[in-house]
N, C-alpha and C. Protein backbone atom coordinates (compact mmCIF):
# COMPACT_ATOMS: atom_id res chain seq x y z
N UNK A 1 113.09 96.23 102.86
CA UNK A 1 112.46 96.73 101.74
C UNK A 1 113.03 96.31 100.36
N UNK A 2 112.24 96.09 99.46
CA UNK A 2 112.77 95.57 98.15
C UNK A 2 112.01 96.41 97.08
N UNK A 3 112.82 96.62 95.99
CA UNK A 3 112.20 97.09 94.63
C UNK A 3 112.32 95.92 93.71
N UNK A 4 111.42 95.66 92.97
CA UNK A 4 111.49 94.84 91.78
C UNK A 4 111.50 95.60 90.55
N UNK A 5 112.40 95.54 89.76
CA UNK A 5 112.59 96.25 88.48
C UNK A 5 112.16 95.12 87.28
N UNK A 6 111.29 95.59 86.49
CA UNK A 6 110.84 94.66 85.39
C UNK A 6 110.72 95.33 84.23
N UNK A 7 111.32 94.73 83.04
CA UNK A 7 111.27 95.32 81.81
C UNK A 7 109.95 94.92 81.07
N UNK A 8 109.21 96.00 80.71
CA UNK A 8 107.92 95.76 80.09
C UNK A 8 107.95 95.03 78.75
N UNK A 9 107.26 94.00 78.51
CA UNK A 9 107.25 93.34 77.26
C UNK A 9 108.67 93.07 76.75
N UNK A 10 109.58 92.64 77.55
CA UNK A 10 110.94 92.69 77.37
C UNK A 10 111.48 92.42 76.09
N UNK A 11 111.21 91.29 75.45
CA UNK A 11 111.80 90.92 74.22
C UNK A 11 111.39 91.80 73.07
N UNK A 12 109.90 92.21 73.11
CA UNK A 12 109.43 93.02 72.08
C UNK A 12 110.12 94.33 72.28
N UNK A 13 110.19 94.97 73.42
CA UNK A 13 110.68 96.19 73.76
C UNK A 13 112.13 96.25 73.16
N UNK A 14 113.01 95.16 73.34
CA UNK A 14 114.35 95.10 72.84
C UNK A 14 114.27 95.16 71.33
N UNK A 15 113.49 94.56 70.63
CA UNK A 15 113.26 94.71 69.22
C UNK A 15 112.88 96.07 68.77
N UNK A 16 112.05 96.73 69.54
CA UNK A 16 111.56 97.99 69.06
C UNK A 16 112.62 99.14 69.31
N UNK A 17 113.63 98.96 70.18
CA UNK A 17 114.77 99.81 70.37
C UNK A 17 115.48 100.00 68.96
N UNK A 18 115.69 98.82 68.35
CA UNK A 18 116.46 98.85 67.07
C UNK A 18 115.57 98.91 65.72
N UNK A 19 114.30 98.86 65.99
CA UNK A 19 113.24 98.89 64.74
C UNK A 19 111.99 99.76 65.34
N UNK A 20 112.27 101.16 65.39
CA UNK A 20 111.19 101.97 65.78
C UNK A 20 109.81 101.82 64.96
N UNK A 21 109.95 101.38 63.89
CA UNK A 21 108.76 101.15 63.02
C UNK A 21 107.77 100.04 63.56
N UNK A 22 108.20 99.31 64.54
CA UNK A 22 107.35 98.39 65.24
C UNK A 22 106.46 98.96 66.23
N UNK A 23 106.68 100.26 66.61
CA UNK A 23 105.81 100.90 67.63
C UNK A 23 104.47 100.97 67.20
N UNK A 24 103.56 100.67 68.04
CA UNK A 24 102.02 100.77 67.68
C UNK A 24 101.50 99.61 66.93
N UNK A 25 102.37 98.53 66.64
CA UNK A 25 101.95 97.41 65.77
C UNK A 25 101.90 96.17 66.81
N UNK A 26 101.03 95.28 66.45
CA UNK A 26 100.91 94.02 67.19
C UNK A 26 102.14 93.19 67.01
N UNK A 27 103.06 92.96 67.95
CA UNK A 27 104.30 92.19 67.64
C UNK A 27 104.35 91.08 68.71
N UNK A 28 104.97 89.87 68.26
CA UNK A 28 105.10 88.71 69.24
C UNK A 28 106.57 88.29 68.90
N UNK A 29 107.21 87.91 69.91
CA UNK A 29 108.57 87.24 69.90
C UNK A 29 108.31 85.80 69.97
N UNK A 30 108.93 84.82 69.14
CA UNK A 30 108.64 83.50 69.14
C UNK A 30 109.84 82.80 69.80
N UNK A 31 109.51 81.66 70.36
CA UNK A 31 110.53 80.80 71.08
C UNK A 31 111.47 80.16 70.02
N UNK A 32 112.36 79.38 70.64
CA UNK A 32 113.28 78.65 69.59
C UNK A 32 112.31 77.88 68.61
N UNK A 33 112.89 77.81 67.34
CA UNK A 33 112.13 77.24 66.20
C UNK A 33 110.87 77.77 66.11
N UNK A 34 110.69 79.01 66.41
CA UNK A 34 109.57 79.73 66.15
C UNK A 34 108.18 79.13 66.44
N UNK A 35 108.10 78.39 67.61
CA UNK A 35 106.96 77.55 67.84
C UNK A 35 105.88 78.41 68.44
N UNK A 36 106.26 79.24 69.56
CA UNK A 36 105.02 79.89 70.29
C UNK A 36 105.51 81.19 70.77
N UNK A 37 104.55 82.07 71.12
CA UNK A 37 104.74 83.45 71.58
C UNK A 37 105.43 83.36 73.00
N UNK A 38 106.59 83.96 73.22
CA UNK A 38 107.26 84.12 74.43
C UNK A 38 107.21 85.62 74.93
N UNK A 39 106.83 86.48 74.10
CA UNK A 39 106.67 87.95 74.44
C UNK A 39 105.54 88.48 73.43
N UNK A 40 104.80 89.43 74.10
CA UNK A 40 103.77 90.05 73.33
C UNK A 40 103.80 91.66 73.52
N UNK A 41 103.60 92.29 72.59
CA UNK A 41 103.38 93.75 72.72
C UNK A 41 101.96 93.92 73.19
N UNK A 42 101.80 95.14 73.84
CA UNK A 42 100.52 95.55 74.34
C UNK A 42 99.32 95.43 73.23
N UNK A 43 99.75 95.79 71.98
CA UNK A 43 98.84 95.71 70.95
C UNK A 43 98.54 94.27 70.54
N UNK A 44 99.36 93.21 70.71
CA UNK A 44 99.09 91.85 70.54
C UNK A 44 98.32 91.22 71.64
N UNK A 45 98.56 91.73 72.88
CA UNK A 45 97.73 91.33 74.00
C UNK A 45 96.20 91.76 73.88
N UNK A 46 96.17 92.96 73.33
CA UNK A 46 94.77 93.53 73.02
C UNK A 46 93.97 92.69 72.03
N UNK A 47 94.67 92.03 71.14
CA UNK A 47 94.04 91.10 70.28
C UNK A 47 93.58 89.61 70.82
N UNK A 48 94.12 89.42 72.13
CA UNK A 48 93.85 88.31 72.79
C UNK A 48 94.81 87.11 72.55
N UNK A 49 96.02 87.59 72.00
CA UNK A 49 97.04 86.52 71.85
C UNK A 49 97.61 86.11 73.24
N UNK A 50 97.62 84.83 73.49
CA UNK A 50 98.07 84.43 74.94
C UNK A 50 99.53 84.07 74.90
N UNK A 51 100.09 84.25 76.07
CA UNK A 51 101.48 83.83 76.42
C UNK A 51 101.48 82.38 75.95
N UNK A 52 102.49 82.06 75.18
CA UNK A 52 102.71 80.55 74.81
C UNK A 52 101.86 80.19 73.70
N UNK A 53 101.07 81.05 73.14
CA UNK A 53 100.22 80.67 71.94
C UNK A 53 101.09 80.19 70.88
N UNK A 54 100.68 79.01 70.22
CA UNK A 54 101.45 78.62 69.00
C UNK A 54 101.22 79.58 67.84
N UNK A 55 102.34 79.69 67.12
CA UNK A 55 102.33 80.73 66.05
C UNK A 55 101.34 80.19 64.88
N UNK A 56 101.36 78.99 64.72
CA UNK A 56 100.34 78.48 63.65
C UNK A 56 99.05 78.84 63.94
N UNK A 57 98.60 78.79 65.30
CA UNK A 57 97.30 79.20 65.73
C UNK A 57 97.03 80.56 65.60
N UNK A 58 97.92 81.43 65.96
CA UNK A 58 97.85 82.87 65.72
C UNK A 58 97.64 83.22 64.35
N UNK A 59 98.34 82.59 63.47
CA UNK A 59 98.26 82.94 61.98
C UNK A 59 96.86 82.43 61.51
N UNK A 60 96.24 81.42 61.98
CA UNK A 60 94.99 80.81 61.58
C UNK A 60 93.92 81.69 62.17
N UNK A 61 93.96 82.07 63.37
CA UNK A 61 92.96 82.70 63.99
C UNK A 61 92.82 84.30 63.68
N UNK A 62 93.99 84.96 63.43
CA UNK A 62 94.09 86.40 63.21
C UNK A 62 94.80 86.66 61.84
N UNK A 63 94.35 86.18 60.74
CA UNK A 63 95.10 86.32 59.39
C UNK A 63 95.24 87.75 58.98
N UNK A 64 94.21 88.47 59.38
CA UNK A 64 94.17 89.94 58.79
C UNK A 64 94.57 90.95 59.85
N UNK A 65 95.04 90.49 61.02
CA UNK A 65 95.39 91.61 62.12
C UNK A 65 96.61 92.22 62.07
N UNK A 66 97.57 91.67 61.04
CA UNK A 66 98.88 92.47 60.98
C UNK A 66 99.80 92.09 62.01
N UNK A 67 99.57 90.94 62.73
CA UNK A 67 100.41 90.57 63.70
C UNK A 67 101.99 90.21 63.15
N UNK A 68 102.87 90.78 63.61
CA UNK A 68 104.31 90.64 63.14
C UNK A 68 104.96 89.67 64.13
N UNK A 69 105.48 88.48 63.69
CA UNK A 69 106.14 87.67 64.53
C UNK A 69 107.68 87.58 64.25
N UNK A 70 108.44 87.74 65.28
CA UNK A 70 109.86 87.81 65.19
C UNK A 70 110.47 86.63 65.85
N UNK A 71 111.59 86.17 65.32
CA UNK A 71 112.34 85.07 65.85
C UNK A 71 112.99 85.64 67.09
N UNK A 72 113.32 84.94 68.07
CA UNK A 72 113.93 85.50 69.26
C UNK A 72 115.52 85.65 68.92
N UNK A 73 116.03 86.65 69.38
CA UNK A 73 117.45 87.09 69.19
C UNK A 73 118.15 87.14 70.56
N UNK A 74 118.47 85.98 71.10
CA UNK A 74 118.83 85.80 72.50
C UNK A 74 120.20 86.68 72.69
N UNK A 75 120.96 86.86 71.71
CA UNK A 75 122.12 87.61 71.87
C UNK A 75 121.87 89.06 72.13
N UNK A 76 121.05 89.58 71.41
CA UNK A 76 120.50 90.96 71.57
C UNK A 76 119.90 91.07 72.94
N UNK A 77 119.01 90.08 73.27
CA UNK A 77 118.19 90.32 74.43
C UNK A 77 119.12 90.13 75.65
N UNK A 78 120.18 89.40 75.58
CA UNK A 78 121.06 89.19 76.75
C UNK A 78 121.89 90.43 76.87
N UNK A 79 122.21 91.11 75.79
CA UNK A 79 122.99 92.38 75.89
C UNK A 79 122.16 93.55 76.33
N UNK A 80 120.81 93.52 75.98
CA UNK A 80 119.89 94.51 76.60
C UNK A 80 119.69 94.28 78.07
N UNK A 81 119.57 93.03 78.45
CA UNK A 81 119.31 92.67 79.79
C UNK A 81 120.51 93.19 80.70
N UNK A 82 121.75 93.05 80.21
CA UNK A 82 122.86 93.57 80.80
C UNK A 82 122.96 94.97 81.11
N UNK A 83 122.45 95.63 80.14
CA UNK A 83 122.29 97.17 80.23
C UNK A 83 121.26 97.47 81.26
N UNK A 84 120.16 96.68 81.22
CA UNK A 84 119.03 96.99 82.15
C UNK A 84 119.53 96.73 83.60
N UNK A 85 120.37 95.56 83.82
CA UNK A 85 120.78 95.27 85.13
C UNK A 85 121.79 96.29 85.69
N UNK A 86 122.58 96.84 84.83
CA UNK A 86 123.48 97.87 85.30
C UNK A 86 122.72 99.19 85.68
N UNK A 87 121.76 99.53 85.10
CA UNK A 87 120.99 100.61 85.48
C UNK A 87 120.16 100.26 86.77
N UNK A 88 119.72 99.13 86.81
CA UNK A 88 118.78 98.73 88.15
C UNK A 88 119.78 98.79 89.28
N UNK A 89 120.93 98.38 89.04
CA UNK A 89 122.01 98.35 90.30
C UNK A 89 122.05 99.67 90.97
N UNK A 90 121.87 100.74 90.17
CA UNK A 90 121.88 102.07 90.72
C UNK A 90 120.81 102.54 91.74
N UNK A 91 119.79 101.65 91.88
CA UNK A 91 118.67 101.84 92.72
C UNK A 91 119.01 101.72 94.33
N UNK A 92 119.83 100.69 94.47
CA UNK A 92 120.21 100.21 95.92
C UNK A 92 121.42 99.40 95.87
N UNK A 93 121.95 99.15 97.17
CA UNK A 93 123.31 98.53 97.26
C UNK A 93 123.24 96.90 97.11
N UNK A 94 122.05 96.31 97.11
CA UNK A 94 121.89 94.82 96.86
C UNK A 94 121.08 94.46 95.64
N UNK A 95 121.77 93.65 94.89
CA UNK A 95 120.90 93.29 93.69
C UNK A 95 120.81 91.75 93.54
N UNK A 96 119.64 91.28 93.29
CA UNK A 96 119.31 89.76 92.84
C UNK A 96 118.79 89.83 91.55
N UNK A 97 119.55 89.36 90.57
CA UNK A 97 118.96 89.21 89.25
C UNK A 97 118.07 87.91 89.28
N UNK A 98 116.89 88.10 89.13
CA UNK A 98 115.65 87.09 89.12
C UNK A 98 115.53 86.37 87.80
N UNK A 99 115.61 87.10 86.68
CA UNK A 99 115.42 86.57 85.28
C UNK A 99 116.08 87.57 84.33
N UNK A 100 115.90 87.35 83.08
CA UNK A 100 116.48 88.15 82.12
C UNK A 100 115.98 89.58 82.14
N UNK A 101 114.78 89.76 82.62
CA UNK A 101 114.30 91.05 82.64
C UNK A 101 113.74 91.48 84.11
N UNK A 102 114.13 90.81 85.12
CA UNK A 102 113.66 91.21 86.47
C UNK A 102 114.80 91.07 87.38
N UNK A 103 114.77 92.11 88.26
CA UNK A 103 115.88 92.24 89.25
C UNK A 103 115.23 92.82 90.66
N UNK A 104 115.58 92.09 91.76
CA UNK A 104 115.20 92.56 92.98
C UNK A 104 116.32 93.44 93.43
N UNK A 105 116.13 94.57 94.01
CA UNK A 105 117.09 95.45 94.57
C UNK A 105 116.71 95.70 96.11
N UNK A 106 117.69 95.43 96.92
CA UNK A 106 117.54 95.85 98.42
C UNK A 106 117.57 97.36 98.60
N UNK A 107 116.46 97.97 99.06
CA UNK A 107 116.52 99.43 99.11
C UNK A 107 116.36 99.90 100.55
N UNK A 108 116.73 99.12 101.54
CA UNK A 108 116.62 99.38 102.99
C UNK A 108 117.39 100.70 103.17
N UNK A 109 116.94 101.65 103.78
CA UNK A 109 117.59 102.84 104.10
C UNK A 109 117.89 103.79 103.02
N UNK A 110 117.21 103.54 101.89
CA UNK A 110 117.44 104.61 100.67
C UNK A 110 116.39 105.62 100.94
N UNK A 111 116.88 106.83 100.95
CA UNK A 111 115.96 107.97 101.12
C UNK A 111 115.33 108.39 99.86
N UNK A 112 114.08 108.88 100.04
CA UNK A 112 113.26 109.39 98.92
C UNK A 112 113.27 108.30 97.80
N UNK A 113 112.72 107.26 98.26
CA UNK A 113 112.79 106.11 97.36
C UNK A 113 111.81 106.26 96.11
N UNK A 114 110.66 107.01 96.22
CA UNK A 114 109.78 107.13 95.09
C UNK A 114 110.45 108.02 94.07
N UNK A 115 111.05 109.16 94.40
CA UNK A 115 111.79 110.05 93.52
C UNK A 115 112.79 109.18 92.84
N UNK A 116 113.55 108.49 93.66
CA UNK A 116 114.79 107.81 93.01
C UNK A 116 114.29 106.70 92.03
N UNK A 117 113.10 106.07 92.37
CA UNK A 117 112.64 104.92 91.35
C UNK A 117 112.18 105.65 90.15
N UNK A 118 111.47 106.81 90.29
CA UNK A 118 111.20 107.54 88.96
C UNK A 118 112.34 107.79 88.14
N UNK A 119 113.34 108.28 88.82
CA UNK A 119 114.58 108.71 88.08
C UNK A 119 115.20 107.43 87.45
N UNK A 120 115.33 106.34 88.02
CA UNK A 120 115.96 105.11 87.49
C UNK A 120 115.12 104.63 86.35
N UNK A 121 113.62 104.69 86.56
CA UNK A 121 112.86 104.36 85.39
C UNK A 121 112.99 105.18 84.21
N UNK A 122 113.30 106.45 84.33
CA UNK A 122 113.64 107.40 83.21
C UNK A 122 114.91 107.04 82.58
N UNK A 123 115.86 106.64 83.50
CA UNK A 123 117.19 106.34 82.95
C UNK A 123 117.11 105.13 82.11
N UNK A 124 116.13 104.08 82.49
CA UNK A 124 115.91 102.96 81.70
C UNK A 124 115.55 103.32 80.25
N UNK A 125 114.52 104.16 80.23
CA UNK A 125 114.00 104.61 78.93
C UNK A 125 115.04 105.38 78.22
N UNK A 126 115.74 106.38 78.69
CA UNK A 126 116.79 107.11 78.07
C UNK A 126 117.93 106.31 77.74
N UNK A 127 118.30 105.52 78.62
CA UNK A 127 119.66 104.85 78.48
C UNK A 127 119.53 103.64 77.57
N UNK A 128 118.51 102.86 77.66
CA UNK A 128 118.25 101.65 76.91
C UNK A 128 117.23 101.71 75.86
N UNK A 129 116.31 102.68 75.90
CA UNK A 129 115.27 102.76 74.82
C UNK A 129 113.89 101.91 75.31
N UNK A 130 113.97 101.24 76.47
CA UNK A 130 112.68 100.55 76.64
C UNK A 130 112.08 100.88 77.94
N UNK A 131 110.78 100.73 78.14
CA UNK A 131 110.09 100.97 79.40
C UNK A 131 110.31 99.94 80.43
N UNK A 132 110.28 100.31 81.68
CA UNK A 132 110.42 99.29 82.80
C UNK A 132 109.44 99.95 84.03
N UNK A 133 109.03 98.82 84.63
CA UNK A 133 108.26 99.11 85.88
C UNK A 133 108.91 98.92 87.08
N UNK A 134 108.73 99.62 88.28
CA UNK A 134 109.25 99.37 89.50
C UNK A 134 108.33 99.25 90.59
N UNK A 135 108.33 98.09 91.33
CA UNK A 135 107.33 97.86 92.37
C UNK A 135 108.11 97.92 93.66
N UNK A 136 107.50 98.38 94.72
CA UNK A 136 108.28 98.56 96.04
C UNK A 136 107.51 97.98 97.12
N UNK A 137 108.12 97.24 97.89
CA UNK A 137 107.32 96.45 98.96
C UNK A 137 108.34 96.07 100.12
N UNK A 138 107.74 95.67 101.20
CA UNK A 138 108.62 95.31 102.39
C UNK A 138 109.03 93.96 102.23
N UNK A 139 108.46 93.14 101.30
CA UNK A 139 108.93 91.79 100.87
C UNK A 139 109.03 91.71 99.39
N UNK A 140 109.66 90.70 99.00
CA UNK A 140 109.79 90.52 97.41
C UNK A 140 108.41 90.23 96.85
N UNK A 141 107.51 89.58 97.59
CA UNK A 141 106.14 89.36 97.05
C UNK A 141 105.41 90.56 97.09
N UNK A 142 105.47 91.43 98.09
CA UNK A 142 104.74 92.70 97.85
C UNK A 142 105.23 93.61 96.74
N UNK A 143 106.54 93.59 96.57
CA UNK A 143 107.13 94.39 95.46
C UNK A 143 106.63 93.86 94.16
N UNK A 144 106.45 92.52 94.05
CA UNK A 144 105.87 91.91 92.97
C UNK A 144 104.43 92.25 92.79
N UNK A 145 103.70 92.16 93.74
CA UNK A 145 102.30 92.58 93.67
C UNK A 145 102.16 94.09 93.22
N UNK A 146 103.06 94.99 93.81
CA UNK A 146 102.89 96.31 93.29
C UNK A 146 103.30 96.41 91.87
N UNK A 147 104.13 95.71 91.39
CA UNK A 147 104.44 95.81 89.96
C UNK A 147 103.41 95.42 89.06
N UNK A 148 102.68 94.37 89.54
CA UNK A 148 101.58 93.81 88.69
C UNK A 148 100.49 94.88 88.60
N UNK A 149 100.26 95.67 89.62
CA UNK A 149 99.25 96.71 89.68
C UNK A 149 99.67 97.80 88.70
N UNK A 150 101.15 98.16 88.84
CA UNK A 150 101.57 99.16 88.04
C UNK A 150 101.54 98.95 86.51
N UNK A 151 101.72 97.65 86.06
CA UNK A 151 101.75 97.47 84.68
C UNK A 151 100.31 97.47 84.05
N UNK A 152 99.28 97.44 84.77
CA UNK A 152 97.98 97.52 84.23
C UNK A 152 97.70 98.89 83.43
N UNK A 153 98.32 99.92 84.01
CA UNK A 153 98.03 101.22 83.41
C UNK A 153 99.30 101.76 82.70
N UNK A 154 100.27 100.75 82.66
CA UNK A 154 101.55 101.27 82.00
C UNK A 154 102.70 101.30 83.06
N UNK A 155 103.87 101.56 82.76
CA UNK A 155 104.93 101.52 83.61
C UNK A 155 104.84 102.56 84.58
N UNK A 156 104.93 102.06 85.78
CA UNK A 156 104.75 102.98 87.08
C UNK A 156 105.77 102.68 88.13
N UNK A 157 106.03 103.70 88.84
CA UNK A 157 106.86 103.41 90.09
C UNK A 157 105.82 103.55 91.18
N UNK A 158 105.71 102.51 92.06
CA UNK A 158 104.60 102.57 93.11
C UNK A 158 105.26 102.73 94.49
N UNK A 159 104.85 103.66 95.38
CA UNK A 159 105.28 103.74 96.66
C UNK A 159 104.44 102.70 97.44
N UNK A 160 105.00 102.15 98.49
CA UNK A 160 104.53 101.09 99.33
C UNK A 160 103.07 101.41 99.74
N UNK A 161 102.73 102.62 100.23
CA UNK A 161 101.41 102.98 100.75
C UNK A 161 101.39 104.41 100.86
N UNK A 162 100.24 104.97 100.72
CA UNK A 162 100.06 106.48 100.73
C UNK A 162 100.40 106.97 102.18
N UNK A 163 100.36 106.06 103.28
CA UNK A 163 100.73 106.60 104.62
C UNK A 163 102.21 106.84 104.73
N UNK A 164 103.01 106.28 103.90
CA UNK A 164 104.48 106.64 104.09
C UNK A 164 104.87 107.67 103.09
N UNK A 165 105.02 108.81 103.81
CA UNK A 165 105.53 110.05 102.92
C UNK A 165 107.06 109.87 102.70
N UNK A 166 107.60 111.04 101.97
CA UNK A 166 108.99 111.02 101.78
C UNK A 166 109.91 110.77 102.88
N UNK A 167 109.58 111.29 104.07
CA UNK A 167 110.26 111.12 105.25
C UNK A 167 109.99 110.01 106.12
N UNK A 168 108.69 109.48 105.97
CA UNK A 168 108.37 108.42 106.84
C UNK A 168 108.13 107.11 106.02
N UNK A 169 109.16 106.37 105.99
CA UNK A 169 109.13 104.90 105.29
C UNK A 169 109.17 103.73 106.27
N UNK A 170 108.63 102.67 106.04
CA UNK A 170 108.84 101.54 106.93
C UNK A 170 110.26 101.11 107.35
N UNK A 171 110.45 101.07 108.64
CA UNK A 171 111.86 100.56 109.04
C UNK A 171 112.18 99.19 108.47
N UNK A 172 113.36 99.16 108.28
CA UNK A 172 113.95 98.01 107.84
C UNK A 172 114.30 97.02 108.93
N UNK A 173 114.16 95.64 108.71
CA UNK A 173 114.57 94.81 109.83
C UNK A 173 115.94 94.86 110.18
N UNK A 174 116.25 94.59 111.40
CA UNK A 174 117.63 94.67 111.82
C UNK A 174 118.37 93.50 111.24
N UNK A 175 119.60 93.70 110.77
CA UNK A 175 120.29 92.62 109.98
C UNK A 175 121.06 91.81 111.15
N UNK A 176 121.35 90.51 110.85
CA UNK A 176 122.09 89.73 111.84
C UNK A 176 123.65 89.92 111.46
N UNK A 177 124.45 90.07 112.63
CA UNK A 177 125.79 90.18 112.30
C UNK A 177 126.38 88.72 111.81
N UNK A 178 127.49 88.72 111.06
CA UNK A 178 128.00 87.41 110.62
C UNK A 178 128.33 86.77 111.83
N UNK A 179 128.01 85.39 111.77
CA UNK A 179 128.46 84.41 112.79
C UNK A 179 127.46 84.33 113.92
N UNK A 180 126.35 85.12 113.99
CA UNK A 180 125.36 85.11 115.01
C UNK A 180 124.17 84.41 114.57
N UNK A 181 123.64 83.63 115.41
CA UNK A 181 122.50 82.74 115.07
C UNK A 181 121.25 83.68 115.36
N UNK A 182 120.21 83.40 114.62
CA UNK A 182 118.93 84.09 114.80
C UNK A 182 118.17 83.27 115.89
N UNK A 183 117.39 83.93 116.79
CA UNK A 183 116.59 83.23 117.84
C UNK A 183 115.66 82.18 116.94
N UNK A 184 115.46 81.04 117.48
CA UNK A 184 114.70 80.09 116.93
C UNK A 184 115.14 79.36 115.71
N UNK A 185 116.51 79.40 115.45
CA UNK A 185 117.12 78.72 114.31
C UNK A 185 117.55 77.33 114.71
N UNK A 186 117.17 76.87 115.85
CA UNK A 186 117.73 75.51 116.36
C UNK A 186 118.98 75.44 116.94
N UNK A 187 119.58 76.54 117.19
CA UNK A 187 120.90 76.54 117.92
C UNK A 187 120.72 76.57 119.30
N UNK A 188 121.42 75.82 120.16
CA UNK A 188 121.45 75.80 121.45
C UNK A 188 120.37 75.56 122.17
């Protein structure tokens, strides 16, 4: 079982932590040399600004939309990412940092995973000031699909399926002991 923790609109969310006046405004964060959009607020997405859209094109097509473009501050974003990953590590015993705003957490054997996911998501917002989504699945791909569904309506923590209640979660695959080969791995 895996949980994927993802910071929503991460670079924009980092900027909003230190500049609350940006809440509710269409904001994009630009790449190196301020060339193109590498992060967009939900308000900017609603205007149709695409990921990777060149800034000159946004200025030309939406001159009166009030879009605020910010230069990337990778030092700030890196610090916020470290905070986020520290909080995410509390979800389970194994962590694989996938990108600056995404981390897979091995959650096999964790009891009451839905409640714990909601608590961690709240800690993200209270401890770092930005929203995060958590997707849960038996594979990393399914966890990622869950998070895609969750971000449509806002940050959500999704349980794998309604048929798994708080006491009945899918069983985790048995782990191989160190030094033992798995059947079918070409040994012997």
